[in-house]
PDB file of N, CA and C in Angstrom:
ATOM      1  N   MET A   1     -15.440 -11.515  -2.947  1.00  0.00           N
ATOM      2  CA  MET A   1     -15.934 -10.231  -2.166  1.00  0.00           C
ATOM      3  C   MET A   1     -17.008  -9.650  -2.835  1.00  0.00           C
ATOM      4  N   ASP A   2     -17.962  -9.308  -2.103  1.00  0.00           N
ATOM      5  CA  ASP A   2     -19.241  -8.663  -2.793  1.00  0.00           C
ATOM      6  C   ASP A   2     -19.115  -7.289  -3.035  1.00  0.00           C
ATOM      7  N   ASN A   3     -19.951  -6.733  -3.948  1.00  0.00           N
ATOM      8  CA  ASN A   3     -19.856  -5.422  -4.455  1.00  0.00           C
ATOM      9  C   ASN A   3     -20.099  -4.395  -3.283  1.00  0.00           C
ATOM     10  N   GLN A   4     -20.785  -4.667  -2.281  1.00  0.00           N
ATOM     11  CA  GLN A   4     -21.123  -3.842  -1.107  1.00  0.00           C
ATOM     12  C   GLN A   4     -19.988  -3.570  -0.388  1.00  0.00           C
ATOM     13  N   THR A   5     -19.270  -4.516  -0.129  1.00  0.00           N
ATOM     14  CA  THR A   5     -18.006  -4.479   0.693  1.00  0.00           C
ATOM     15  C   THR A   5     -17.102  -3.622   0.046  1.00  0.00           C
ATOM     16  N   VAL A   6     -16.897  -3.754  -1.345  1.00  0.00           N
ATOM     17  CA  VAL A   6     -15.931  -3.062  -2.204  1.00  0.00           C
ATOM     18  C   VAL A   6     -16.297  -1.468  -2.100  1.00  0.00           C
ATOM     19  N   SER A   7     -17.701  -1.376  -2.437  1.00  0.00           N
ATOM     20  CA  SER A   7     -18.061   0.046  -2.556  1.00  0.00           C
ATOM     21  C   SER A   7     -17.989   0.764  -1.132  1.00  0.00           C
ATOM     22  N   GLU A   8     -18.114   0.154  -0.144  1.00  0.00           N
ATOM     23  CA  GLU A   8     -18.098   0.810   1.332  1.00  0.00           C
ATOM     24  C   GLU A   8     -16.557   1.043   1.660  1.00  0.00           C
ATOM     25  N   GLY A   9     -15.748   0.170   1.132  1.00  0.00           N
ATOM     26  CA  GLY A   9     -14.263   0.459   1.583  1.00  0.00           C
ATOM     27  C   GLY A   9     -13.536   1.243   0.456  1.00  0.00           C
ATOM     28  N   LYS A  10     -14.013   1.408  -0.602  1.00  0.00           N
ATOM     29  CA  LYS A  10     -13.258   1.978  -1.814  1.00  0.00           C
ATOM     30  C   LYS A  10     -12.552   3.319  -1.451  1.00  0.00           C
ATOM     31  N   THR A  11     -13.319   4.272  -0.712  1.00  0.00           N
ATOM     32  CA  THR A  11     -12.786   5.436  -0.366  1.00  0.00           C
ATOM     33  C   THR A  11     -11.621   5.332   0.409  1.00  0.00           C
ATOM     34  N   THR A  12     -11.835   4.487   1.445  1.00  0.00           N
ATOM     35  CA  THR A  12     -10.798   4.278   2.517  1.00  0.00           C
ATOM     36  C   THR A  12      -9.521   3.679   1.816  1.00  0.00           C
ATOM     37  N   ALA A  13      -9.772   2.714   0.894  1.00  0.00           N
ATOM     38  CA  ALA A  13      -8.592   2.118   0.213  1.00  0.00           C
ATOM     39  C   ALA A  13      -7.865   3.087  -0.622  1.00  0.00           C
ATOM     40  N   ILE A  14      -8.572   4.004  -1.288  1.00  0.00           N
ATOM     41  CA  ILE A  14      -7.934   5.030  -2.096  1.00  0.00           C
ATOM     42  C   ILE A  14      -7.148   5.910  -1.201  1.00  0.00           C
ATOM     43  N   ILE A  15      -7.603   6.381  -0.204  1.00  0.00           N
ATOM     44  CA  ILE A  15      -7.000   7.348   0.737  1.00  0.00           C
ATOM     45  C   ILE A  15      -5.754   6.706   1.401  1.00  0.00           C
ATOM     46  N   ALA A  16      -5.757   5.424   1.575  1.00  0.00           N
ATOM     47  CA  ALA A  16      -4.463   4.548   2.002  1.00  0.00           C
ATOM     48  C   ALA A  16      -3.267   4.878   1.235  1.00  0.00           C
ATOM     49  N   TYR A  17      -3.364   5.061  -0.132  1.00  0.00           N
ATOM     50  CA  TYR A  17      -2.212   5.341  -1.040  1.00  0.00           C
ATOM     51  C   TYR A  17      -1.748   6.794  -1.081  1.00  0.00           C
ATOM     52  N   ILE A  18      -2.503   7.652  -0.552  1.00  0.00           N
ATOM     53  CA  ILE A  18      -2.126   9.090  -0.655  1.00  0.00           C
ATOM     54  C   ILE A  18      -1.165   9.394   0.600  1.00  0.00           C
ATOM     55  N   THR A  19       0.132   9.288   0.479  1.00  0.00           N
ATOM     56  CA  THR A  19       1.148   9.476   1.367  1.00  0.00           C
ATOM     57  C   THR A  19       0.922   8.679   2.589  1.00  0.00           C
ATOM     58  N   VAL A  20       1.981   8.730   3.501  1.00  0.00           N
ATOM     59  CA  VAL A  20       1.915   7.852   4.700  1.00  0.00           C
ATOM     60  C   VAL A  20       0.750   8.336   5.574  1.00  0.00           C
ATOM     61  N   ILE A  21       0.546   9.662   5.544  1.00  0.00           N
ATOM     62  CA  ILE A  21      -0.425  10.228   6.368  1.00  0.00           C
ATOM     63  C   ILE A  21      -1.830   9.761   6.110  1.00  0.00           C
ATOM     64  N   GLY A  22      -2.052   9.606   4.633  1.00  0.00           N
ATOM     65  CA  GLY A  22      -3.297   9.004   4.123  1.00  0.00           C
ATOM     66  C   GLY A  22      -3.457   7.548   4.642  1.00  0.00           C
ATOM     67  N   THR A  23      -2.345   6.756   4.674  1.00  0.00           N
ATOM     68  CA  THR A  23      -2.345   5.395   5.191  1.00  0.00           C
ATOM     69  C   THR A  23      -2.887   5.408   6.679  1.00  0.00           C
ATOM     70  N   LEU A  24      -2.256   6.403   7.456  1.00  0.00           N
ATOM     71  CA  LEU A  24      -2.744   6.459   8.929  1.00  0.00           C
ATOM     72  C   LEU A  24      -4.071   6.964   9.010  1.00  0.00           C
ATOM     73  N   ILE A  25      -4.630   7.806   8.260  1.00  0.00           N
ATOM     74  CA  ILE A  25      -5.960   8.188   8.244  1.00  0.00           C
ATOM     75  C   ILE A  25      -6.982   7.087   7.713  1.00  0.00           C
ATOM     76  N   ALA A  26      -6.455   6.303   6.784  1.00  0.00           N
ATOM     77  CA  ALA A  26      -7.254   5.089   6.377  1.00  0.00           C
ATOM     78  C   ALA A  26      -7.274   4.183   7.401  1.00  0.00           C
ATOM     79  N   PHE A  27      -6.316   3.861   8.047  1.00  0.00           N
ATOM     80  CA  PHE A  27      -6.227   2.921   9.203  1.00  0.00           C
ATOM     81  C   PHE A  27      -7.106   3.374  10.262  1.00  0.00           C
ATOM     82  N   ILE A  28      -7.161   4.499  10.712  1.00  0.00           N
ATOM     83  CA  ILE A  28      -8.132   5.066  11.711  1.00  0.00           C
ATOM     84  C   ILE A  28      -9.586   4.935  11.356  1.00  0.00           C
ATOM     85  N   MET A  29      -9.729   5.456   9.951  1.00  0.00           N
ATOM     86  CA  MET A  29     -11.123   5.344   9.398  1.00  0.00           C
ATOM     87  C   MET A  29     -11.669   3.790   9.536  1.00  0.00           C
ATOM     88  N   ASN A  30     -10.798   2.829   9.192  1.00  0.00           N
ATOM     89  CA  ASN A  30     -11.125   1.441   8.995  1.00  0.00           C
ATOM     90  C   ASN A  30     -11.354   0.852  10.462  1.00  0.00           C
ATOM     91  N   GLN A  31     -11.017   1.531  11.566  1.00  0.00           N
ATOM     92  CA  GLN A  31     -11.052   0.835  12.849  1.00  0.00           C
ATOM     93  C   GLN A  31     -12.489   0.773  13.281  1.00  0.00           C
ATOM     94  N   LYS A  32     -13.345   1.597  12.808  1.00  0.00           N
ATOM     95  CA  LYS A  32     -14.649   1.580  13.340  1.00  0.00           C
ATOM     96  C   LYS A  32     -15.495   0.560  12.554  1.00  0.00           C
ATOM     97  N   THR A  33     -15.345   0.381  11.206  1.00  0.00           N
ATOM     98  CA  THR A  33     -16.094  -0.502  10.388  1.00  0.00           C
ATOM     99  C   THR A  33     -15.515  -1.805  10.007  1.00  0.00           C
ATOM    100  N   ARG A  34     -14.181  -1.891  10.078  1.00  0.00           N
ATOM    101  CA  ARG A  34     -13.296  -3.029   9.576  1.00  0.00           C
ATOM    102  C   ARG A  34     -13.868  -3.589   8.394  1.00  0.00           C
ATOM    103  N   ASN A  35     -13.619  -2.898   7.316  1.00  0.00           N
ATOM    104  CA  ASN A  35     -13.908  -3.297   5.947  1.00  0.00           C
ATOM    105  C   ASN A  35     -12.873  -4.230   5.346  1.00  0.00           C
ATOM    106  N   SER A  36     -12.954  -5.336   4.842  1.00  0.00           N
ATOM    107  CA  SER A  36     -11.889  -6.210   4.454  1.00  0.00           C
ATOM    108  C   SER A  36     -11.161  -5.720   3.243  1.00  0.00           C
ATOM    109  N   PHE A  37     -12.043  -5.059   2.407  1.00  0.00           N
ATOM    110  CA  PHE A  37     -11.296  -4.344   1.160  1.00  0.00           C
ATOM    111  C   PHE A  37     -10.388  -3.308   1.580  1.00  0.00           C
ATOM    112  N   ALA A  38     -10.866  -2.412   2.419  1.00  0.00           N
ATOM    113  CA  ALA A  38     -10.014  -1.357   2.863  1.00  0.00           C
ATOM    114  C   ALA A  38      -8.824  -1.865   3.574  1.00  0.00           C
ATOM    115  N   SER A  39      -8.878  -2.811   4.423  1.00  0.00           N
ATOM    116  CA  SER A  39      -7.814  -3.400   5.143  1.00  0.00           C
ATOM    117  C   SER A  39      -6.699  -4.031   4.141  1.00  0.00           C
ATOM    118  N   PHE A  40      -7.270  -4.662   3.293  1.00  0.00           N
ATOM    119  CA  PHE A  40      -6.365  -5.263   2.115  1.00  0.00           C
ATOM    120  C   PHE A  40      -5.457  -4.058   1.529  1.00  0.00           C
ATOM    121  N   HIS A  41      -6.037  -3.012   1.247  1.00  0.00           N
ATOM    122  CA  HIS A  41      -5.194  -1.948   0.452  1.00  0.00           C
ATOM    123  C   HIS A  41      -4.439  -1.170   1.627  1.00  0.00           C
ATOM    124  N   ILE A  42      -4.882  -1.114   2.717  1.00  0.00           N
ATOM    125  CA  ILE A  42      -3.985  -0.382   3.788  1.00  0.00           C
ATOM    126  C   ILE A  42      -2.888  -1.216   4.024  1.00  0.00           C
ATOM    127  N   ARG A  43      -2.873  -2.642   3.986  1.00  0.00           N
ATOM    128  CA  ARG A  43      -1.653  -3.436   4.209  1.00  0.00           C
ATOM    129  C   ARG A  43      -0.797  -3.112   2.994  1.00  0.00           C
ATOM    130  N   GLN A  44      -1.361  -3.039   1.840  1.00  0.00           N
ATOM    131  CA  GLN A  44      -0.571  -2.907   0.717  1.00  0.00           C
ATOM    132  C   GLN A  44       0.218  -1.520   0.666  1.00  0.00           C
ATOM    133  N   ALA A  45      -0.555  -0.552   0.920  1.00  0.00           N
ATOM    134  CA  ALA A  45       0.062   0.774   1.035  1.00  0.00           C
ATOM    135  C   ALA A  45       1.137   0.927   2.007  1.00  0.00           C
ATOM    136  N   LEU A  46       0.877   0.332   3.264  1.00  0.00           N
ATOM    137  CA  LEU A  46       1.800   0.428   4.272  1.00  0.00           C
ATOM    138  C   LEU A  46       3.030  -0.313   3.968  1.00  0.00           C
ATOM    139  N   GLY A  47       3.017  -1.431   3.160  1.00  0.00           N
ATOM    140  CA  GLY A  47       4.220  -2.141   2.705  1.00  0.00           C
ATOM    141  C   GLY A  47       4.922  -1.376   1.731  1.00  0.00           C
ATOM    142  N   ILE A  48       4.250  -0.825   0.822  1.00  0.00           N
ATOM    143  CA  ILE A  48       5.039   0.005  -0.005  1.00  0.00           C
ATOM    144  C   ILE A  48       5.759   1.154   0.513  1.00  0.00           C
ATOM    145  N   PHE A  49       5.074   1.798   1.571  1.00  0.00           N
ATOM    146  CA  PHE A  49       5.706   2.961   2.216  1.00  0.00           C
ATOM    147  C   PHE A  49       6.935   2.360   2.928  1.00  0.00           C
ATOM    148  N   LEU A  50       6.954   1.365   3.672  1.00  0.00           N
ATOM    149  CA  LEU A  50       7.958   0.840   4.482  1.00  0.00           C
ATOM    150  C   LEU A  50       9.043   0.443   3.602  1.00  0.00           C
ATOM    151  N   MET A  51       8.732  -0.186   2.545  1.00  0.00           N
ATOM    152  CA  MET A  51       9.781  -0.694   1.519  1.00  0.00           C
ATOM    153  C   MET A  51      10.614   0.490   1.022  1.00  0.00           C
ATOM    154  N   GLY A  52       9.863   1.582   0.812  1.00  0.00           N
ATOM    155  CA  GLY A  52      10.650   2.752   0.349  1.00  0.00           C
ATOM    156  C   GLY A  52      11.528   3.319   1.335  1.00  0.00           C
ATOM    157  N   VAL A  53      11.092   3.205   2.538  1.00  0.00           N
ATOM    158  CA  VAL A  53      11.814   3.738   3.687  1.00  0.00           C
ATOM    159  C   VAL A  53      13.172   2.890   3.842  1.00  0.00           C
ATOM    160  N   VAL A  54      13.017   1.644   3.715  1.00  0.00           N
ATOM    161  CA  VAL A  54      14.201   0.706   3.850  1.00  0.00           C
ATOM    162  C   VAL A  54      15.071   0.899   2.662  1.00  0.00           C
ATOM    163  N   PHE A  55      14.574   0.903   1.415  1.00  0.00           N
ATOM    164  CA  PHE A  55      15.406   1.143   0.324  1.00  0.00           C
ATOM    165  C   PHE A  55      16.126   2.501   0.358  1.00  0.00           C
ATOM    166  N   ASN A  56      15.526   3.430   0.901  1.00  0.00           N
ATOM    167  CA  ASN A  56      16.082   4.733   1.003  1.00  0.00           C
ATOM    168  C   ASN A  56      17.251   4.730   1.996  1.00  0.00           C
ATOM    169  N   PHE A  57      17.064   4.045   3.106  1.00  0.00           N
ATOM    170  CA  PHE A  57      18.180   3.896   4.135  1.00  0.00           C
ATOM    171  C   PHE A  57      19.227   3.181   3.542  1.00  0.00           C
ATOM    172  N   ILE A  58      19.013   2.098   2.901  1.00  0.00           N
ATOM    173  CA  ILE A  58      20.151   1.253   2.441  1.00  0.00           C
ATOM    174  C   ILE A  58      20.921   2.092   1.391  1.00  0.00           C
ATOM    175  N   THR A  59      20.303   2.888   0.455  1.00  0.00           N
ATOM    176  CA  THR A  59      20.982   3.455  -0.646  1.00  0.00           C
ATOM    177  C   THR A  59      21.797   4.701  -0.145  1.00  0.00           C
ATOM    178  N   LYS A  60      21.161   5.312   0.981  1.00  0.00           N
ATOM    179  CA  LYS A  60      21.981   6.355   1.718  1.00  0.00           C
ATOM    180  C   LYS A  60      23.076   5.754   2.405  1.00  0.00           C
ATOM    181  N   LEU A  61      23.040   4.737   3.003  1.00  0.00           N
ATOM    182  CA  LEU A  61      24.081   4.099   3.816  1.00  0.00           C
ATOM    183  C   LEU A  61      25.285   3.867   2.978  1.00  0.00           C
ATOM    184  N   PHE A  62      24.906   3.180   1.813  1.00  0.00           N
ATOM    185  CA  PHE A  62      26.021   2.737   0.993  1.00  0.00           C
ATOM    186  C   PHE A  62      26.285   3.565  -0.207  1.00  0.00           C
ATOM    187  N   ASP A  63      25.708   4.857  -0.205  1.00  0.00           N
ATOM    188  CA  ASP A  63      25.843   5.837  -1.204  1.00  0.00           C
ATOM    189  C   ASP A  63      25.701   5.334  -2.707  1.00  0.00           C
ATOM    190  N   LEU A  64      24.495   4.768  -2.901  1.00  0.00           N
ATOM    191  CA  LEU A  64      24.035   4.107  -4.118  1.00  0.00           C
ATOM    192  C   LEU A  64      23.111   5.010  -4.720  1.00  0.00           C
ATOM    193  N   GLY A  65      23.625   6.296  -5.315  1.00  0.00           N
ATOM    194  CA  GLY A  65      22.910   7.243  -6.076  1.00  0.00           C
ATOM    195  C   GLY A  65      21.898   6.658  -7.227  1.00  0.00           C
ATOM    196  N   PHE A  66      22.582   5.970  -8.159  1.00  0.00           N
ATOM    197  CA  PHE A  66      21.847   5.476  -9.289  1.00  0.00           C
ATOM    198  C   PHE A  66      20.813   4.402  -8.845  1.00  0.00           C
ATOM    199  N   ALA A  67      21.334   3.505  -8.034  1.00  0.00           N
ATOM    200  CA  ALA A  67      20.379   2.443  -7.507  1.00  0.00           C
ATOM    201  C   ALA A  67      19.238   3.072  -6.821  1.00  0.00           C
ATOM    202  N   PHE A  68      19.281   4.159  -6.007  1.00  0.00           N
ATOM    203  CA  PHE A  68      18.212   4.879  -5.362  1.00  0.00           C
ATOM    204  C   PHE A  68      17.166   5.299  -6.532  1.00  0.00           C
ATOM    205  N   GLN A  69      17.603   5.912  -7.491  1.00  0.00           N
ATOM    206  CA  GLN A  69      16.799   6.340  -8.537  1.00  0.00           C
ATOM    207  C   GLN A  69      15.949   5.091  -9.172  1.00  0.00           C
ATOM    208  N   MET A  70      16.655   4.045  -9.437  1.00  0.00           N
ATOM    209  CA  MET A  70      15.998   2.959  -9.915  1.00  0.00           C
ATOM    210  C   MET A  70      15.034   2.301  -8.949  1.00  0.00           C
ATOM    211  N   LEU A  71      15.417   2.283  -7.777  1.00  0.00           N
ATOM    212  CA  LEU A  71      14.391   1.723  -6.717  1.00  0.00           C
ATOM    213  C   LEU A  71      13.255   2.704  -6.585  1.00  0.00           C
ATOM    214  N   SER A  72      13.500   3.929  -6.723  1.00  0.00           N
ATOM    215  CA  SER A  72      12.533   4.843  -6.520  1.00  0.00           C
ATOM    216  C   SER A  72      11.496   4.816  -7.546  1.00  0.00           C
ATOM    217  N   VAL A  73      11.832   4.549  -8.784  1.00  0.00           N
ATOM    218  CA  VAL A  73      11.002   4.323  -9.862  1.00  0.00           C
ATOM    219  C   VAL A  73      10.181   2.845  -9.737  1.00  0.00           C
ATOM    220  N   LEU A  74      10.785   1.896  -9.239  1.00  0.00           N
ATOM    221  CA  LEU A  74      10.048   0.770  -9.052  1.00  0.00           C
ATOM    222  C   LEU A  74       9.086   0.850  -7.947  1.00  0.00           C
ATOM    223  N   ILE A  75       9.374   1.391  -6.843  1.00  0.00           N
ATOM    224  CA  ILE A  75       8.351   1.817  -5.876  1.00  0.00           C
ATOM    225  C   ILE A  75       7.217   2.669  -6.188  1.00  0.00           C
ATOM    226  N   PHE A  76       7.549   3.741  -6.976  1.00  0.00           N
ATOM    227  CA  PHE A  76       6.593   4.509  -7.559  1.00  0.00           C
ATOM    228  C   PHE A  76       5.601   3.551  -8.526  1.00  0.00           C
ATOM    229  N   LEU A  77       6.185   2.678  -9.323  1.00  0.00           N
ATOM    230  CA  LEU A  77       5.216   1.845 -10.162  1.00  0.00           C
ATOM    231  C   LEU A  77       4.419   0.958  -9.320  1.00  0.00           C
ATOM    232  N   LEU A  78       4.999   0.358  -8.259  1.00  0.00           N
ATOM    233  CA  LEU A  78       4.145  -0.463  -7.349  1.00  0.00           C
ATOM    234  C   LEU A  78       3.034   0.370  -6.764  1.00  0.00           C
ATOM    235  N   TRP A  79       3.406   1.530  -6.384  1.00  0.00           N
ATOM    236  CA  TRP A  79       2.238   2.449  -5.869  1.00  0.00           C
ATOM    237  C   TRP A  79       1.198   2.649  -6.716  1.00  0.00           C
ATOM    238  N   VAL A  80       1.568   3.003  -8.141  1.00  0.00           N
ATOM    239  CA  VAL A  80       0.571   3.236  -9.208  1.00  0.00           C
ATOM    240  C   VAL A  80      -0.332   1.890  -9.334  1.00  0.00           C
ATOM    241  N   VAL A  81       0.287   0.835  -9.370  1.00  0.00           N
ATOM    242  CA  VAL A  81      -0.377  -0.467  -9.490  1.00  0.00           C
ATOM    243  C   VAL A  81      -1.528  -0.675  -8.371  1.00  0.00           C
ATOM    244  N   GLY A  82      -0.912  -0.349  -7.098  1.00  0.00           N
ATOM    245  CA  GLY A  82      -1.807  -0.543  -6.036  1.00  0.00           C
ATOM    246  C   GLY A  82      -2.997   0.413  -6.121  1.00  0.00           C
ATOM    247  N   LEU A  83      -2.744   1.657  -6.376  1.00  0.00           N
ATOM    248  CA  LEU A  83      -3.836   2.748  -6.414  1.00  0.00           C
ATOM    249  C   LEU A  83      -4.828   2.421  -7.636  1.00  0.00           C
ATOM    250  N   VAL A  84      -4.275   1.865  -8.722  1.00  0.00           N
ATOM    251  CA  VAL A  84      -5.205   1.516  -9.728  1.00  0.00           C
ATOM    252  C   VAL A  84      -6.105   0.415  -9.358  1.00  0.00           C
ATOM    253  N   TYR A  85      -5.589  -0.602  -8.555  1.00  0.00           N
ATOM    254  CA  TYR A  85      -6.337  -1.856  -8.183  1.00  0.00           C
ATOM    255  C   TYR A  85      -7.422  -1.133  -7.223  1.00  0.00           C
ATOM    256  N   ALA A  86      -7.160  -0.187  -6.283  1.00  0.00           N
ATOM    257  CA  ALA A  86      -8.131   0.352  -5.376  1.00  0.00           C
ATOM    258  C   ALA A  86      -9.268   1.049  -6.181  1.00  0.00           C
ATOM    259  N   PHE A  87      -8.863   1.878  -7.154  1.00  0.00           N
ATOM    260  CA  PHE A  87      -9.737   2.595  -7.931  1.00  0.00           C
ATOM    261  C   PHE A  87     -10.733   1.585  -8.674  1.00  0.00           C
ATOM    262  N   GLN A  88     -10.156   0.537  -9.219  1.00  0.00           N
ATOM    263  CA  GLN A  88     -10.881  -0.437  -9.992  1.00  0.00           C
ATOM    264  C   GLN A  88     -11.825  -1.365  -9.140  1.00  0.00           C
ATOM    265  N   GLY A  89     -11.533  -1.202  -7.803  1.00  0.00           N
ATOM    266  CA  GLY A  89     -12.325  -2.222  -6.893  1.00  0.00           C
ATOM    267  C   GLY A  89     -11.854  -3.623  -6.754  1.00  0.00           C
ATOM    268  N   LYS A  90     -10.492  -3.835  -7.184  1.00  0.00           N
ATOM    269  CA  LYS A  90      -9.910  -5.189  -7.162  1.00  0.00           C
ATOM    270  C   LYS A  90      -9.073  -5.378  -6.044  1.00  0.00           C
ATOM    271  N   GLU A  91      -9.179  -6.583  -5.565  1.00  0.00           N
ATOM    272  CA  GLU A  91      -8.347  -7.012  -4.279  1.00  0.00           C
ATOM    273  C   GLU A  91      -7.264  -7.875  -4.909  1.00  0.00           C
ATOM    274  N   LYS A  92      -6.271  -7.242  -5.496  1.00  0.00           N
ATOM    275  CA  LYS A  92      -5.310  -8.037  -6.118  1.00  0.00           C
ATOM    276  C   LYS A  92      -3.862  -7.402  -5.419  1.00  0.00           C
ATOM    277  N   THR A  93      -2.977  -8.356  -5.161  1.00  0.00           N
ATOM    278  CA  THR A  93      -1.737  -7.941  -4.543  1.00  0.00           C
ATOM    279  C   THR A  93      -0.935  -7.239  -5.516  1.00  0.00           C
ATOM    280  N   ILE A  94      -0.066  -6.448  -5.168  1.00  0.00           N
ATOM    281  CA  ILE A  94       0.969  -5.746  -6.034  1.00  0.00           C
ATOM    282  C   ILE A  94       2.045  -6.807  -6.443  1.00  0.00           C
ATOM    283  N   PRO A  95       2.654  -6.677  -7.707  1.00  0.00           N
ATOM    284  CA  PRO A  95       3.554  -7.833  -7.988  1.00  0.00           C
ATOM    285  C   PRO A  95       4.741  -8.006  -7.055  1.00  0.00           C
ATOM    286  N   VAL A  96       5.153  -9.238  -6.946  1.00  0.00           N
ATOM    287  CA  VAL A  96       6.263  -9.646  -6.219  1.00  0.00           C
ATOM    288  C   VAL A  96       6.149  -9.623  -4.660  1.00  0.00           C
ATOM    289  N   VAL A  97       5.882  -8.436  -4.141  1.00  0.00           N
ATOM    290  CA  VAL A  97       6.024  -8.444  -2.766  1.00  0.00           C
ATOM    291  C   VAL A  97       4.607  -8.333  -2.025  1.00  0.00           C
ATOM    292  N   GLY A  98       3.499  -8.167  -2.765  1.00  0.00           N
ATOM    293  CA  GLY A  98       2.229  -7.912  -2.178  1.00  0.00           C
ATOM    294  C   GLY A  98       1.785  -9.089  -1.309  1.00  0.00           C
ATOM    295  N   ASP A  99       1.939 -10.299  -1.576  1.00  0.00           N
ATOM    296  CA  ASP A  99       1.770 -11.378  -0.695  1.00  0.00           C
ATOM    297  C   ASP A  99       2.389 -11.302   0.670  1.00  0.00           C
ATOM    298  N   TYR A 100       3.471 -10.875   0.558  1.00  0.00           N
ATOM    299  CA  TYR A 100       4.276 -10.729   1.856  1.00  0.00           C
ATOM    300  C   TYR A 100       3.757  -9.705   2.866  1.00  0.00           C
ATOM    301  N   PHE A 101       3.220  -8.543   2.058  1.00  0.00           N
ATOM    302  CA  PHE A 101       2.642  -7.500   2.948  1.00  0.00           C
ATOM    303  C   PHE A 101       1.407  -7.956   3.636  1.00  0.00           C
ATOM    304  N   GLN A 102       0.720  -8.745   2.887  1.00  0.00           N
ATOM    305  CA  GLN A 102      -0.680  -9.261   3.463  1.00  0.00           C
ATOM    306  C   GLN A 102      -0.256 -10.235   4.589  1.00  0.00           C
ATOM    307  N   GLN A 103       0.897 -10.992   4.592  1.00  0.00           N
ATOM    308  CA  GLN A 103       1.148 -11.796   5.602  1.00  0.00           C
ATOM    309  C   GLN A 103       1.749 -11.086   6.878  1.00  0.00           C
ATOM    310  N   TRP A 104       2.610 -10.123   6.505  1.00  0.00           N
ATOM    311  CA  TRP A 104       3.268  -9.413   7.672  1.00  0.00           C
ATOM    312  C   TRP A 104       2.422  -8.530   8.417  1.00  0.00           C
ATOM    313  N   PHE A 105       1.412  -7.906   7.799  1.00  0.00           N
ATOM    314  CA  PHE A 105       0.486  -6.939   8.357  1.00  0.00           C
ATOM    315  C   PHE A 105      -0.855  -7.462   8.514  1.00  0.00           C
ATOM    316  N   LYS A 106      -1.022  -8.794   8.694  1.00  0.00           N
ATOM    317  CA  LYS A 106      -2.434  -9.407   8.652  1.00  0.00           C
ATOM    318  C   LYS A 106      -3.202  -8.969   9.871  1.00  0.00           C
ATOM    319  N   ASN A 107      -2.663  -8.341  10.917  1.00  0.00           N
ATOM    320  CA  ASN A 107      -3.481  -7.912  12.025  1.00  0.00           C
ATOM    321  C   ASN A 107      -4.076  -6.428  11.778  1.00  0.00           C
ATOM    322  N   ILE A 108      -3.805  -5.969  10.644  1.00  0.00           N
ATOM    323  CA  ILE A 108      -4.285  -4.553  10.300  1.00  0.00           C
ATOM    324  C   ILE A 108      -5.675  -4.725   9.643  1.00  0.00           C
TER     325      ILE A 108
END
């Protein structure tokens, strides 16, 4: 990936990690220009958010209070890793699940 693509999409990529509203805003911003770097990070951020929703639902359904706390820390760490990669201009997937997010949301 060239430096111009990264620099043009960096702001959108960072916005994608700022809550789900930021992901939605980044998605809308990226519809006009279709920057591959921004799309990559939008997919990562969307996957992290959806993973959090699913884990929250499962832990509430089965009343797993301690497990929810541990999963919340894990999701937060994945979010931080993704955000740091966006700031650094790197197109690296988050550990373990990042490749899946790229496959599942490839149309974004």
